[in-house]
Amino acid sequence: MTERDSRRRQILDAVVGSGQLSALAFYGKGRDTDVRAESLRRMVNPLLDRGVQRLIIESRQGRDQRDRQVLIEELRRLARPQPSRYVHLPPHGDPLLWVANALA
């Protein structure tokens, strides 16, 4: 992303200020695949508690099946129902995927 930090803050303020978005952010250290899996595990309960109906996950070419596996295993472990829908999209596939890039 080429925006300056001040511009990123301005974009985030506008998105969050709209009242149409709430966000969860997780941070970890280690291998990308391990951190991503742990982040997915940690977000399952909070997302379901918020009544999320649709989960959009940024696609990682060739690794989407692992994401699905992690989500299904965590939902089973917690004995929670699956969200009505989750989908992997490319980074440009949904504007809300840009929020994570703005935070990075």
Protein backbone atom coordinates (compact mmCIF):
# COMPACT_ATOMS: atom_id res chain seq x y z
CA MET A 1 0.00 0.00 0.00
CA THR A 2 1.37 3.39 -0.91
CA GLU A 3 -0.68 5.66 1.36
CA ARG A 4 1.11 7.66 4.02
CA ASP A 5 0.37 6.83 7.65
CA SER A 6 -1.76 9.95 8.03
CA ARG A 7 -3.85 8.93 5.02
CA ARG A 8 -4.25 5.41 6.39
CA ARG A 9 -5.52 6.81 9.68
CA GLN A 10 -7.93 9.04 7.80
CA ILE A 11 -9.30 6.07 5.83
CA LEU A 12 -9.64 3.93 8.96
CA ASP A 13 -11.34 6.75 10.88
CA ALA A 14 -13.88 7.11 8.07
CA VAL A 15 -14.59 3.37 7.88
CA VAL A 16 -14.87 2.88 11.64
CA GLY A 17 -16.79 6.14 12.08
CA SER A 18 -19.44 4.93 9.65
CA GLY A 19 -20.73 2.53 12.31
CA GLN A 20 -20.95 -0.22 9.71
CA LEU A 21 -17.84 -2.06 10.77
CA SER A 22 -16.37 -3.69 13.78
CA ALA A 23 -12.99 -5.31 13.61
CA LEU A 24 -10.96 -7.89 15.44
CA ALA A 25 -7.20 -7.83 15.12
CA PHE A 26 -4.79 -10.53 16.17
CA TYR A 27 -1.03 -10.39 16.11
CA GLY A 28 1.47 -13.17 16.35
CA LYS A 29 5.04 -14.10 15.69
CA GLY A 30 6.32 -17.14 13.87
CA ARG A 31 5.66 -18.86 10.60
CA ASP A 32 2.97 -17.19 8.53
CA THR A 33 0.87 -20.35 8.26
CA ASP A 34 0.98 -20.96 12.03
CA VAL A 35 0.10 -17.35 12.88
CA ARG A 36 -2.76 -17.35 10.37
CA ALA A 37 -4.16 -20.61 11.78
CA GLU A 38 -3.97 -19.34 15.36
CA SER A 39 -5.64 -16.06 14.35
CA LEU A 40 -8.49 -17.97 12.72
CA ARG A 41 -8.89 -20.13 15.83
CA ARG A 42 -8.94 -17.10 18.13
CA MET A 43 -11.55 -15.25 16.09
CA VAL A 44 -14.18 -18.00 15.89
CA ASN A 45 -15.89 -17.41 19.26
CA PRO A 46 -15.87 -13.58 19.10
CA LEU A 47 -17.29 -13.64 15.57
CA LEU A 48 -20.07 -16.05 16.44
CA ASP A 49 -20.84 -14.12 19.63
CA ARG A 50 -21.31 -11.03 17.45
CA GLY A 51 -23.74 -12.90 15.20
CA VAL A 52 -21.57 -12.73 12.11
CA GLN A 53 -23.50 -14.02 9.12
CA ARG A 54 -20.74 -13.84 6.52
CA LEU A 55 -17.01 -14.18 6.99
CA ILE A 56 -14.72 -12.97 4.20
CA ILE A 57 -11.17 -14.28 4.34
CA GLU A 58 -8.38 -13.02 2.12
CA SER A 59 -7.35 -15.85 -0.15
CA ARG A 60 -3.83 -17.16 0.05
CA GLN A 61 -3.41 -19.06 -3.18
CA GLY A 62 -3.12 -22.75 -2.40
CA ARG A 63 -3.71 -22.37 1.34
CA ASP A 64 -7.44 -21.76 1.50
CA GLN A 65 -8.18 -25.42 2.25
CA ARG A 66 -6.02 -25.18 5.40
CA ASP A 67 -8.06 -22.16 6.54
CA ARG A 68 -11.28 -24.13 6.06
CA GLN A 69 -9.85 -27.07 7.97
CA VAL A 70 -8.78 -24.84 10.89
CA LEU A 71 -12.20 -23.16 11.05
CA ILE A 72 -14.12 -26.44 10.93
CA GLU A 73 -11.93 -28.03 13.60
CA GLU A 74 -12.32 -25.02 15.90
CA LEU A 75 -16.08 -24.89 15.42
CA ARG A 76 -16.30 -28.58 16.29
CA ARG A 77 -14.00 -28.19 19.30
CA LEU A 78 -16.18 -25.38 20.63
CA ALA A 79 -19.41 -27.17 19.66
CA ARG A 80 -20.50 -24.03 17.83
CA PRO A 81 -22.57 -23.90 14.64
CA GLN A 82 -20.89 -22.78 11.45
CA PRO A 83 -21.54 -19.21 10.32
CA SER A 84 -24.05 -19.16 7.51
CA ARG A 85 -21.28 -18.47 5.04
CA TYR A 86 -17.57 -17.96 4.72
CA VAL A 87 -15.68 -17.30 1.55
CA HIS A 88 -12.14 -16.70 0.41
CA LEU A 89 -11.68 -13.73 -1.92
CA PRO A 90 -8.63 -12.17 -3.55
CA PRO A 91 -7.28 -9.03 -1.82
CA HIS A 92 -9.18 -6.78 -4.24
CA GLY A 93 -12.38 -8.87 -3.93
CA ASP A 94 -14.01 -6.86 -1.14
CA PRO A 95 -13.24 -3.35 0.13
CA LEU A 96 -13.27 -4.49 3.75
CA LEU A 97 -10.24 -6.66 3.05
CA TRP A 98 -8.38 -3.40 2.50
CA VAL A 99 -8.78 -2.48 6.19
CA ALA A 100 -6.14 -5.01 7.28
CA ASN A 101 -3.75 -3.63 4.68
CA ALA A 102 -4.41 -0.12 5.93
CA LEU A 103 -3.47 -1.23 9.44
CA ALA A 104 -0.28 -2.97 8.30
